[in-house]
Amino acid sequence: MKSGTSNRWLENEAVSLEMHDIFQDSFESYGAPRIRIELLKRGYRISRPRVARLMMANKLFARRRRKFIVTTDANHNYPIAPNILNQNFLVNRENQVWVSDITYI
């Protein structure tokens, strides 16, 4: 009968703690390849599949970065509306000036 814990289990525990630190430092954005690179820098010899397995066991899933979507095209040949109000928001009567915002387009 064998007693105690195995060397691999102890090493996995140490690696898991390091992985947790790296994962938090990366704002939960690093996956197995980048965590493996950081572990190699810290002196651990470990494969990417092992890092991936330990990440799944510890429920560490990298957040995907959203793609940047360009929403404004300032370089066009369409007419630009004149700035009639020119920051002069003082009015003498109601319904003299109307302002709107169309940022949803």
PDB file of N, CA and C in Angstrom:
ATOM      1  N   MET A   1       0.841  -1.185   0.000  1.00  0.00           N
ATOM      2  CA  MET A   1       0.000   0.000   0.000  1.00  0.00           C
ATOM      3  C   MET A   1       0.884   1.245   0.000  1.00  0.00           C
ATOM      4  N   LYS A   2       0.581   2.163  -0.904  1.00  0.00           N
ATOM      5  CA  LYS A   2       1.363   3.381  -1.070  1.00  0.00           C
ATOM      6  C   LYS A   2       0.749   4.495  -0.224  1.00  0.00           C
ATOM      7  N   SER A   3       1.575   5.251   0.435  1.00  0.00           N
ATOM      8  CA  SER A   3       1.045   6.345   1.244  1.00  0.00           C
ATOM      9  C   SER A   3       1.594   7.670   0.733  1.00  0.00           C
ATOM     10  N   GLY A   4       0.907   8.753   1.049  1.00  0.00           N
ATOM     11  CA  GLY A   4       1.371  10.064   0.620  1.00  0.00           C
ATOM     12  C   GLY A   4       0.873  10.421  -0.766  1.00  0.00           C
ATOM     13  N   THR A   5       1.341  11.563  -1.232  1.00  0.00           N
ATOM     14  CA  THR A   5       0.933  12.037  -2.549  1.00  0.00           C
ATOM     15  C   THR A   5       2.092  11.897  -3.522  1.00  0.00           C
ATOM     16  N   SER A   6       1.772  11.777  -4.791  1.00  0.00           N
ATOM     17  CA  SER A   6       2.807  11.584  -5.805  1.00  0.00           C
ATOM     18  C   SER A   6       3.518  12.899  -6.115  1.00  0.00           C
ATOM     19  N   ASN A   7       4.702  12.768  -6.689  1.00  0.00           N
ATOM     20  CA  ASN A   7       5.469  13.948  -7.084  1.00  0.00           C
ATOM     21  C   ASN A   7       4.730  14.741  -8.169  1.00  0.00           C
ATOM     22  N   ARG A   8       4.081  14.043  -9.087  1.00  0.00           N
ATOM     23  CA  ARG A   8       3.351  14.698 -10.169  1.00  0.00           C
ATOM     24  C   ARG A   8       2.195  15.527  -9.609  1.00  0.00           C
ATOM     25  N   TRP A   9       1.482  14.972  -8.623  1.00  0.00           N
ATOM     26  CA  TRP A   9       0.368  15.695  -8.020  1.00  0.00           C
ATOM     27  C   TRP A   9       0.872  16.958  -7.332  1.00  0.00           C
ATOM     28  N   LEU A  10       1.990  16.853  -6.599  1.00  0.00           N
ATOM     29  CA  LEU A  10       2.567  18.017  -5.924  1.00  0.00           C
ATOM     30  C   LEU A  10       3.006  19.070  -6.941  1.00  0.00           C
ATOM     31  N   GLU A  11       3.610  18.601  -8.042  1.00  0.00           N
ATOM     32  CA  GLU A  11       4.047  19.529  -9.089  1.00  0.00           C
ATOM     33  C   GLU A  11       2.845  20.201  -9.752  1.00  0.00           C
ATOM     34  N   ASN A  12       1.788  19.434  -9.993  1.00  0.00           N
ATOM     35  CA  ASN A  12       0.572  20.009 -10.580  1.00  0.00           C
ATOM     36  C   ASN A  12      -0.028  21.078  -9.670  1.00  0.00           C
ATOM     37  N   GLU A  13       0.010  20.859  -8.374  1.00  0.00           N
ATOM     38  CA  GLU A  13      -0.509  21.849  -7.426  1.00  0.00           C
ATOM     39  C   GLU A  13       0.309  23.137  -7.490  1.00  0.00           C
ATOM     40  N   ALA A  14       1.640  22.999  -7.535  1.00  0.00           N
ATOM     41  CA  ALA A  14       2.507  24.180  -7.612  1.00  0.00           C
ATOM     42  C   ALA A  14       2.281  24.922  -8.926  1.00  0.00           C
ATOM     43  N   VAL A  15       2.183  24.177 -10.018  1.00  0.00           N
ATOM     44  CA  VAL A  15       1.958  24.784 -11.332  1.00  0.00           C
ATOM     45  C   VAL A  15       0.592  25.466 -11.367  1.00  0.00           C
ATOM     46  N   SER A  16      -0.407  24.855 -10.752  1.00  0.00           N
ATOM     47  CA  SER A  16      -1.750  25.441 -10.738  1.00  0.00           C
ATOM     48  C   SER A  16      -1.759  26.783 -10.016  1.00  0.00           C
ATOM     49  N   LEU A  17      -1.013  26.897  -8.926  1.00  0.00           N
ATOM     50  CA  LEU A  17      -0.927  28.172  -8.211  1.00  0.00           C
ATOM     51  C   LEU A  17      -0.265  29.237  -9.078  1.00  0.00           C
ATOM     52  N   GLU A  18       0.820  28.868  -9.761  1.00  0.00           N
ATOM     53  CA  GLU A  18       1.493  29.808 -10.665  1.00  0.00           C
ATOM     54  C   GLU A  18       0.564  30.211 -11.811  1.00  0.00           C
ATOM     55  N   MET A  19      -0.170  29.213 -12.349  1.00  0.00           N
ATOM     56  CA  MET A  19      -1.098  29.488 -13.445  1.00  0.00           C
ATOM     57  C   MET A  19      -2.169  30.477 -13.009  1.00  0.00           C
ATOM     58  N   HIS A  20      -2.662  30.305 -11.799  1.00  0.00           N
ATOM     59  CA  HIS A  20      -3.676  31.224 -11.279  1.00  0.00           C
ATOM     60  C   HIS A  20      -3.141  32.653 -11.239  1.00  0.00           C
ATOM     61  N   ASP A  21      -1.910  32.822 -10.768  1.00  0.00           N
ATOM     62  CA  ASP A  21      -1.301  34.157 -10.707  1.00  0.00           C
ATOM     63  C   ASP A  21      -1.152  34.756 -12.104  1.00  0.00           C
ATOM     64  N   ILE A  22      -0.632  33.954 -13.040  1.00  0.00           N
ATOM     65  CA  ILE A  22      -0.432  34.430 -14.413  1.00  0.00           C
ATOM     66  C   ILE A  22      -1.775  34.798 -15.037  1.00  0.00           C
ATOM     67  N   PHE A  23      -2.778  33.966 -14.808  1.00  0.00           N
ATOM     68  CA  PHE A  23      -4.109  34.189 -15.374  1.00  0.00           C
ATOM     69  C   PHE A  23      -4.709  35.487 -14.843  1.00  0.00           C
ATOM     70  N   GLN A  24      -4.574  35.731 -13.547  1.00  0.00           N
ATOM     71  CA  GLN A  24      -5.102  36.965 -12.958  1.00  0.00           C
ATOM     72  C   GLN A  24      -4.323  38.184 -13.451  1.00  0.00           C
ATOM     73  N   ASP A  25      -2.991  38.056 -13.558  1.00  0.00           N
ATOM     74  CA  ASP A  25      -2.168  39.172 -14.031  1.00  0.00           C
ATOM     75  C   ASP A  25      -2.498  39.552 -15.475  1.00  0.00           C
ATOM     76  N   SER A  26      -2.972  38.575 -16.254  1.00  0.00           N
ATOM     77  CA  SER A  26      -3.315  38.843 -17.657  1.00  0.00           C
ATOM     78  C   SER A  26      -4.766  39.292 -17.811  1.00  0.00           C
ATOM     79  N   PHE A  27      -5.441  39.581 -16.693  1.00  0.00           N
ATOM     80  CA  PHE A  27      -6.857  39.965 -16.705  1.00  0.00           C
ATOM     81  C   PHE A  27      -7.705  38.885 -17.372  1.00  0.00           C
ATOM     82  N   GLU A  28      -7.354  37.642 -17.084  1.00  0.00           N
ATOM     83  CA  GLU A  28      -8.067  36.453 -17.570  1.00  0.00           C
ATOM     84  C   GLU A  28      -8.110  36.369 -19.089  1.00  0.00           C
ATOM     85  N   SER A  29      -7.065  36.869 -19.749  1.00  0.00           N
ATOM     86  CA  SER A  29      -7.059  36.845 -21.212  1.00  0.00           C
ATOM     87  C   SER A  29      -6.091  35.807 -21.779  1.00  0.00           C
ATOM     88  N   TYR A  30      -5.164  35.289 -20.980  1.00  0.00           N
ATOM     89  CA  TYR A  30      -4.190  34.325 -21.486  1.00  0.00           C
ATOM     90  C   TYR A  30      -4.794  32.928 -21.560  1.00  0.00           C
ATOM     91  N   GLY A  31      -4.503  32.243 -22.657  1.00  0.00           N
ATOM     92  CA  GLY A  31      -4.871  30.850 -22.808  1.00  0.00           C
ATOM     93  C   GLY A  31      -3.665  29.969 -22.523  1.00  0.00           C
ATOM     94  N   ALA A  32      -3.784  28.686 -22.842  1.00  0.00           N
ATOM     95  CA  ALA A  32      -2.725  27.725 -22.541  1.00  0.00           C
ATOM     96  C   ALA A  32      -1.384  28.067 -23.200  1.00  0.00           C
ATOM     97  N   PRO A  33      -1.337  28.500 -24.469  1.00  0.00           N
ATOM     98  CA  PRO A  33      -0.028  28.786 -25.071  1.00  0.00           C
ATOM     99  C   PRO A  33       0.735  29.899 -24.354  1.00  0.00           C
ATOM    100  N   ARG A  34       0.057  30.986 -24.028  1.00  0.00           N
ATOM    101  CA  ARG A  34       0.758  32.101 -23.382  1.00  0.00           C
ATOM    102  C   ARG A  34       1.069  31.800 -21.918  1.00  0.00           C
ATOM    103  N   ILE A  35       0.188  31.076 -21.244  1.00  0.00           N
ATOM    104  CA  ILE A  35       0.489  30.687 -19.864  1.00  0.00           C
ATOM    105  C   ILE A  35       1.688  29.757 -19.849  1.00  0.00           C
ATOM    106  N   ARG A  36       1.785  28.865 -20.835  1.00  0.00           N
ATOM    107  CA  ARG A  36       2.936  27.967 -20.915  1.00  0.00           C
ATOM    108  C   ARG A  36       4.226  28.764 -21.072  1.00  0.00           C
ATOM    109  N   ILE A  37       4.223  29.790 -21.921  1.00  0.00           N
ATOM    110  CA  ILE A  37       5.419  30.617 -22.125  1.00  0.00           C
ATOM    111  C   ILE A  37       5.823  31.283 -20.817  1.00  0.00           C
ATOM    112  N   GLU A  38       4.843  31.796 -20.069  1.00  0.00           N
ATOM    113  CA  GLU A  38       5.148  32.429 -18.782  1.00  0.00           C
ATOM    114  C   GLU A  38       5.696  31.411 -17.784  1.00  0.00           C
ATOM    115  N   LEU A  39       5.150  30.204 -17.797  1.00  0.00           N
ATOM    116  CA  LEU A  39       5.651  29.162 -16.893  1.00  0.00           C
ATOM    117  C   LEU A  39       7.081  28.765 -17.252  1.00  0.00           C
ATOM    118  N   LEU A  40       7.384  28.717 -18.553  1.00  0.00           N
ATOM    119  CA  LEU A  40       8.757  28.419 -18.975  1.00  0.00           C
ATOM    120  C   LEU A  40       9.712  29.498 -18.476  1.00  0.00           C
ATOM    121  N   LYS A  41       9.279  30.769 -18.530  1.00  0.00           N
ATOM    122  CA  LYS A  41      10.112  31.863 -18.024  1.00  0.00           C
ATOM    123  C   LYS A  41      10.350  31.737 -16.527  1.00  0.00           C
ATOM    124  N   ARG A  42       9.388  31.141 -15.822  1.00  0.00           N
ATOM    125  CA  ARG A  42       9.509  30.981 -14.370  1.00  0.00           C
ATOM    126  C   ARG A  42      10.208  29.687 -13.980  1.00  0.00           C
ATOM    127  N   GLY A  43      10.674  28.936 -14.973  1.00  0.00           N
ATOM    128  CA  GLY A  43      11.492  27.764 -14.694  1.00  0.00           C
ATOM    129  C   GLY A  43      10.789  26.424 -14.709  1.00  0.00           C
ATOM    130  N   TYR A  44       9.540  26.373 -15.105  1.00  0.00           N
ATOM    131  CA  TYR A  44       8.813  25.104 -15.181  1.00  0.00           C
ATOM    132  C   TYR A  44       8.970  24.507 -16.571  1.00  0.00           C
ATOM    133  N   ARG A  45       9.240  23.209 -16.638  1.00  0.00           N
ATOM    134  CA  ARG A  45       9.239  22.491 -17.919  1.00  0.00           C
ATOM    135  C   ARG A  45       7.892  21.819 -18.037  1.00  0.00           C
ATOM    136  N   ILE A  46       7.081  22.321 -18.963  1.00  0.00           N
ATOM    137  CA  ILE A  46       5.706  21.841 -19.043  1.00  0.00           C
ATOM    138  C   ILE A  46       5.219  21.961 -20.485  1.00  0.00           C
ATOM    139  N   SER A  47       4.346  21.062 -20.884  1.00  0.00           N
ATOM    140  CA  SER A  47       3.821  21.086 -22.252  1.00  0.00           C
ATOM    141  C   SER A  47       2.509  21.871 -22.300  1.00  0.00           C
ATOM    142  N   ARG A  48       2.158  22.319 -23.502  1.00  0.00           N
ATOM    143  CA  ARG A  48       0.909  23.051 -23.676  1.00  0.00           C
ATOM    144  C   ARG A  48      -0.315  22.195 -23.366  1.00  0.00           C
ATOM    145  N   PRO A  49      -0.357  20.914 -23.803  1.00  0.00           N
ATOM    146  CA  PRO A  49      -1.527  20.100 -23.452  1.00  0.00           C
ATOM    147  C   PRO A  49      -1.704  19.927 -21.935  1.00  0.00           C
ATOM    148  N   ARG A  50      -0.600  19.834 -21.222  1.00  0.00           N
ATOM    149  CA  ARG A  50      -0.702  19.705 -19.763  1.00  0.00           C
ATOM    150  C   ARG A  50      -1.240  21.000 -19.148  1.00  0.00           C
ATOM    151  N   VAL A  51      -0.768  22.135 -19.659  1.00  0.00           N
ATOM    152  CA  VAL A  51      -1.279  23.424 -19.176  1.00  0.00           C
ATOM    153  C   VAL A  51      -2.772  23.519 -19.473  1.00  0.00           C
ATOM    154  N   ALA A  52      -3.181  23.112 -20.670  1.00  0.00           N
ATOM    155  CA  ALA A  52      -4.596  23.168 -21.045  1.00  0.00           C
ATOM    156  C   ALA A  52      -5.427  22.267 -20.134  1.00  0.00           C
ATOM    157  N   ARG A  53      -4.914  21.088 -19.839  1.00  0.00           N
ATOM    158  CA  ARG A  53      -5.635  20.156 -18.965  1.00  0.00           C
ATOM    159  C   ARG A  53      -5.779  20.734 -17.558  1.00  0.00           C
ATOM    160  N   LEU A  54      -4.698  21.315 -17.035  1.00  0.00           N
ATOM    161  CA  LEU A  54      -4.756  21.911 -15.699  1.00  0.00           C
ATOM    162  C   LEU A  54      -5.664  23.139 -15.677  1.00  0.00           C
ATOM    163  N   MET A  55      -5.682  23.893 -16.768  1.00  0.00           N
ATOM    164  CA  MET A  55      -6.582  25.048 -16.841  1.00  0.00           C
ATOM    165  C   MET A  55      -8.039  24.589 -16.792  1.00  0.00           C
ATOM    166  N   MET A  56      -8.370  23.540 -17.531  1.00  0.00           N
ATOM    167  CA  MET A  56      -9.741  23.033 -17.513  1.00  0.00           C
ATOM    168  C   MET A  56     -10.099  22.488 -16.137  1.00  0.00           C
ATOM    169  N   ALA A  57      -9.149  21.805 -15.497  1.00  0.00           N
ATOM    170  CA  ALA A  57      -9.405  21.256 -14.167  1.00  0.00           C
ATOM    171  C   ALA A  57      -9.649  22.367 -13.148  1.00  0.00           C
ATOM    172  N   ASN A  58      -8.997  23.512 -13.342  1.00  0.00           N
ATOM    173  CA  ASN A  58      -9.148  24.645 -12.424  1.00  0.00           C
ATOM    174  C   ASN A  58     -10.189  25.659 -12.905  1.00  0.00           C
ATOM    175  N   LYS A  59     -10.903  25.317 -13.982  1.00  0.00           N
ATOM    176  CA  LYS A  59     -11.948  26.184 -14.557  1.00  0.00           C
ATOM    177  C   LYS A  59     -11.418  27.567 -14.929  1.00  0.00           C
ATOM    178  N   LEU A  60     -10.260  27.583 -15.580  1.00  0.00           N
ATOM    179  CA  LEU A  60      -9.668  28.826 -16.075  1.00  0.00           C
ATOM    180  C   LEU A  60      -9.885  28.882 -17.582  1.00  0.00           C
ATOM    181  N   PHE A  61     -10.734  29.782 -18.035  1.00  0.00           N
ATOM    182  CA  PHE A  61     -11.036  29.920 -19.449  1.00  0.00           C
ATOM    183  C   PHE A  61     -10.725  31.344 -19.877  1.00  0.00           C
ATOM    184  N   ALA A  62      -9.921  31.487 -20.915  1.00  0.00           N
ATOM    185  CA  ALA A  62      -9.514  32.815 -21.377  1.00  0.00           C
ATOM    186  C   ALA A  62     -10.696  33.541 -21.994  1.00  0.00           C
ATOM    187  N   ARG A  63     -10.776  34.833 -21.720  1.00  0.00           N
ATOM    188  CA  ARG A  63     -11.793  35.670 -22.334  1.00  0.00           C
ATOM    189  C   ARG A  63     -11.315  36.091 -23.711  1.00  0.00           C
ATOM    190  N   ARG A  64     -12.175  35.992 -24.692  1.00  0.00           N
ATOM    191  CA  ARG A  64     -11.794  36.404 -26.041  1.00  0.00           C
ATOM    192  C   ARG A  64     -11.932  37.905 -26.181  1.00  0.00           C
ATOM    193  N   ARG A  65     -10.992  38.483 -26.880  1.00  0.00           N
ATOM    194  CA  ARG A  65     -11.034  39.913 -27.136  1.00  0.00           C
ATOM    195  C   ARG A  65     -12.018  40.185 -28.268  1.00  0.00           C
ATOM    196  N   ARG A  66     -12.857  41.198 -28.102  1.00  0.00           N
ATOM    197  CA  ARG A  66     -13.793  41.549 -29.162  1.00  0.00           C
ATOM    198  C   ARG A  66     -13.068  42.239 -30.304  1.00  0.00           C
ATOM    199  N   LYS A  67     -13.544  41.975 -31.503  1.00  0.00           N
ATOM    200  CA  LYS A  67     -12.964  42.609 -32.673  1.00  0.00           C
ATOM    201  C   LYS A  67     -13.360  44.079 -32.694  1.00  0.00           C
ATOM    202  N   PHE A  68     -12.388  44.950 -32.990  1.00  0.00           N
ATOM    203  CA  PHE A  68     -12.671  46.380 -33.077  1.00  0.00           C
ATOM    204  C   PHE A  68     -13.416  46.647 -34.376  1.00  0.00           C
ATOM    205  N   ILE A  69     -14.552  47.301 -34.270  1.00  0.00           N
ATOM    206  CA  ILE A  69     -15.372  47.602 -35.436  1.00  0.00           C
ATOM    207  C   ILE A  69     -15.321  49.102 -35.696  1.00  0.00           C
ATOM    208  N   VAL A  70     -14.903  49.483 -36.888  1.00  0.00           N
ATOM    209  CA  VAL A  70     -14.856  50.889 -37.264  1.00  0.00           C
ATOM    210  C   VAL A  70     -16.277  51.343 -37.565  1.00  0.00           C
ATOM    211  N   THR A  71     -16.720  52.399 -36.874  1.00  0.00           N
ATOM    212  CA  THR A  71     -18.100  52.862 -37.049  1.00  0.00           C
ATOM    213  C   THR A  71     -18.190  54.240 -37.690  1.00  0.00           C
ATOM    214  N   THR A  72     -17.069  54.924 -37.855  1.00  0.00           N
ATOM    215  CA  THR A  72     -17.091  56.277 -38.402  1.00  0.00           C
ATOM    216  C   THR A  72     -16.216  56.350 -39.642  1.00  0.00           C
ATOM    217  N   ASP A  73     -16.742  56.974 -40.689  1.00  0.00           N
ATOM    218  CA  ASP A  73     -15.967  57.203 -41.900  1.00  0.00           C
ATOM    219  C   ASP A  73     -15.933  58.705 -42.145  1.00  0.00           C
ATOM    220  N   ALA A  74     -14.867  59.358 -41.698  1.00  0.00           N
ATOM    221  CA  ALA A  74     -14.757  60.811 -41.843  1.00  0.00           C
ATOM    222  C   ALA A  74     -14.225  61.204 -43.215  1.00  0.00           C
ATOM    223  N   ASN A  75     -13.691  60.251 -43.949  1.00  0.00           N
ATOM    224  CA  ASN A  75     -13.148  60.546 -45.282  1.00  0.00           C
ATOM    225  C   ASN A  75     -14.188  60.194 -46.346  1.00  0.00           C
ATOM    226  N   HIS A  76     -15.084  61.131 -46.604  1.00  0.00           N
ATOM    227  CA  HIS A  76     -16.120  60.909 -47.606  1.00  0.00           C
ATOM    228  C   HIS A  76     -16.353  62.208 -48.378  1.00  0.00           C
ATOM    229  N   ASN A  77     -17.088  62.100 -49.452  1.00  0.00           N
ATOM    230  CA  ASN A  77     -17.366  63.262 -50.299  1.00  0.00           C
ATOM    231  C   ASN A  77     -18.800  63.763 -50.151  1.00  0.00           C
ATOM    232  N   TYR A  78     -19.482  63.349 -49.114  1.00  0.00           N
ATOM    233  CA  TYR A  78     -20.856  63.771 -48.900  1.00  0.00           C
ATOM    234  C   TYR A  78     -20.880  65.163 -48.272  1.00  0.00           C
ATOM    235  N   PRO A  79     -21.963  65.918 -48.478  1.00  0.00           N
ATOM    236  CA  PRO A  79     -22.038  67.265 -47.886  1.00  0.00           C
ATOM    237  C   PRO A  79     -22.123  67.198 -46.360  1.00  0.00           C
ATOM    238  N   ILE A  80     -21.494  68.152 -45.706  1.00  0.00           N
ATOM    239  CA  ILE A  80     -21.503  68.235 -44.249  1.00  0.00           C
ATOM    240  C   ILE A  80     -22.427  69.372 -43.851  1.00  0.00           C
ATOM    241  N   ALA A  81     -23.337  69.096 -42.922  1.00  0.00           N
ATOM    242  CA  ALA A  81     -24.308  70.109 -42.493  1.00  0.00           C
ATOM    243  C   ALA A  81     -23.588  71.253 -41.786  1.00  0.00           C
ATOM    244  N   PRO A  82     -24.015  72.486 -42.046  1.00  0.00           N
ATOM    245  CA  PRO A  82     -23.363  73.632 -41.400  1.00  0.00           C
ATOM    246  C   PRO A  82     -23.693  73.695 -39.910  1.00  0.00           C
ATOM    247  N   ASN A  83     -22.776  74.252 -39.128  1.00  0.00           N
ATOM    248  CA  ASN A  83     -22.965  74.401 -37.691  1.00  0.00           C
ATOM    249  C   ASN A  83     -23.652  75.742 -37.427  1.00  0.00           C
ATOM    250  N   ILE A  84     -24.948  75.766 -37.581  1.00  0.00           N
ATOM    251  CA  ILE A  84     -25.714  77.009 -37.451  1.00  0.00           C
ATOM    252  C   ILE A  84     -25.754  77.480 -35.999  1.00  0.00           C
ATOM    253  N   LEU A  85     -25.900  76.564 -35.065  1.00  0.00           N
ATOM    254  CA  LEU A  85     -26.011  76.920 -33.654  1.00  0.00           C
ATOM    255  C   LEU A  85     -24.682  77.411 -33.086  1.00  0.00           C
ATOM    256  N   ASN A  86     -23.581  76.815 -33.494  1.00  0.00           N
ATOM    257  CA  ASN A  86     -22.228  77.221 -33.096  1.00  0.00           C
ATOM    258  C   ASN A  86     -22.088  77.420 -31.582  1.00  0.00           C
ATOM    259  N   GLN A  87     -22.563  76.445 -30.808  1.00  0.00           N
ATOM    260  CA  GLN A  87     -22.463  76.438 -29.340  1.00  0.00           C
ATOM    261  C   GLN A  87     -23.240  77.568 -28.671  1.00  0.00           C
ATOM    262  N   ASN A  88     -24.091  78.273 -29.377  1.00  0.00           N
ATOM    263  CA  ASN A  88     -24.891  79.348 -28.796  1.00  0.00           C
ATOM    264  C   ASN A  88     -26.234  78.752 -28.366  1.00  0.00           C
ATOM    265  N   PHE A  89     -26.293  78.280 -27.112  1.00  0.00           N
ATOM    266  CA  PHE A  89     -27.476  77.571 -26.635  1.00  0.00           C
ATOM    267  C   PHE A  89     -28.497  78.491 -25.958  1.00  0.00           C
ATOM    268  N   LEU A  90     -28.269  79.795 -25.937  1.00  0.00           N
ATOM    269  CA  LEU A  90     -29.218  80.730 -25.339  1.00  0.00           C
ATOM    270  C   LEU A  90     -30.306  81.058 -26.361  1.00  0.00           C
ATOM    271  N   VAL A  91     -31.562  80.880 -25.935  1.00  0.00           N
ATOM    272  CA  VAL A  91     -32.684  81.143 -26.836  1.00  0.00           C
ATOM    273  C   VAL A  91     -33.653  82.117 -26.175  1.00  0.00           C
ATOM    274  N   ASN A  92     -34.432  82.817 -26.992  1.00  0.00           N
ATOM    275  CA  ASN A  92     -35.382  83.807 -26.492  1.00  0.00           C
ATOM    276  C   ASN A  92     -36.771  83.227 -26.271  1.00  0.00           C
ATOM    277  N   ARG A  93     -37.125  82.179 -27.015  1.00  0.00           N
ATOM    278  CA  ARG A  93     -38.460  81.614 -26.891  1.00  0.00           C
ATOM    279  C   ARG A  93     -38.394  80.107 -27.143  1.00  0.00           C
ATOM    280  N   GLU A  94     -39.486  79.428 -26.884  1.00  0.00           N
ATOM    281  CA  GLU A  94     -39.567  77.985 -27.076  1.00  0.00           C
ATOM    282  C   GLU A  94     -39.549  77.645 -28.562  1.00  0.00           C
ATOM    283  N   ASN A  95     -39.088  76.443 -28.869  1.00  0.00           N
ATOM    284  CA  ASN A  95     -39.057  75.903 -30.229  1.00  0.00           C
ATOM    285  C   ASN A  95     -38.218  76.736 -31.191  1.00  0.00           C
ATOM    286  N   GLN A  96     -37.324  77.528 -30.664  1.00  0.00           N
ATOM    287  CA  GLN A  96     -36.439  78.309 -31.532  1.00  0.00           C
ATOM    288  C   GLN A  96     -35.271  77.441 -32.000  1.00  0.00           C
ATOM    289  N   VAL A  97     -34.783  76.562 -31.093  1.00  0.00           N
ATOM    290  CA  VAL A  97     -33.652  75.680 -31.411  1.00  0.00           C
ATOM    291  C   VAL A  97     -34.009  74.269 -30.972  1.00  0.00           C
ATOM    292  N   TRP A  98     -33.770  73.320 -31.865  1.00  0.00           N
ATOM    293  CA  TRP A  98     -33.969  71.911 -31.538  1.00  0.00           C
ATOM    294  C   TRP A  98     -32.632  71.201 -31.715  1.00  0.00           C
ATOM    295  N   VAL A  99     -32.347  70.294 -30.798  1.00  0.00           N
ATOM    296  CA  VAL A  99     -31.092  69.543 -30.851  1.00  0.00           C
ATOM    297  C   VAL A  99     -31.416  68.064 -30.754  1.00  0.00           C
ATOM    298  N   SER A 100     -30.628  67.269 -31.439  1.00  0.00           N
ATOM    299  CA  SER A 100     -30.859  65.828 -31.438  1.00  0.00           C
ATOM    300  C   SER A 100     -29.525  65.099 -31.470  1.00  0.00           C
ATOM    301  N   ASP A 101     -29.566  63.819 -31.160  1.00  0.00           N
ATOM    302  CA  ASP A 101     -28.361  62.995 -31.169  1.00  0.00           C
ATOM    303  C   ASP A 101     -28.667  61.717 -31.938  1.00  0.00           C
ATOM    304  N   ILE A 102     -27.833  61.393 -32.913  1.00  0.00           N
ATOM    305  CA  ILE A 102     -28.079  60.192 -33.717  1.00  0.00           C
ATOM    306  C   ILE A 102     -26.906  59.227 -33.620  1.00  0.00           C
ATOM    307  N   THR A 103     -26.340  59.072 -32.438  1.00  0.00           N
ATOM    308  CA  THR A 103     -25.168  58.208 -32.286  1.00  0.00           C
ATOM    309  C   THR A 103     -25.490  56.733 -32.485  1.00  0.00           C
ATOM    310  N   TYR A 104     -26.738  56.336 -32.523  1.00  0.00           N
ATOM    311  CA  TYR A 104     -27.105  54.937 -32.696  1.00  0.00           C
ATOM    312  C   TYR A 104     -26.895  54.458 -34.121  1.00  0.00           C
ATOM    313  N   ILE A 105     -26.733  55.342 -35.061  1.00  0.00           N
ATOM    314  CA  ILE A 105     -26.591  54.948 -36.471  1.00  0.00           C
ATOM    315  C   ILE A 105     -25.248  54.309 -36.706  1.00  0.00           C
TER     316      ILE A 105
END
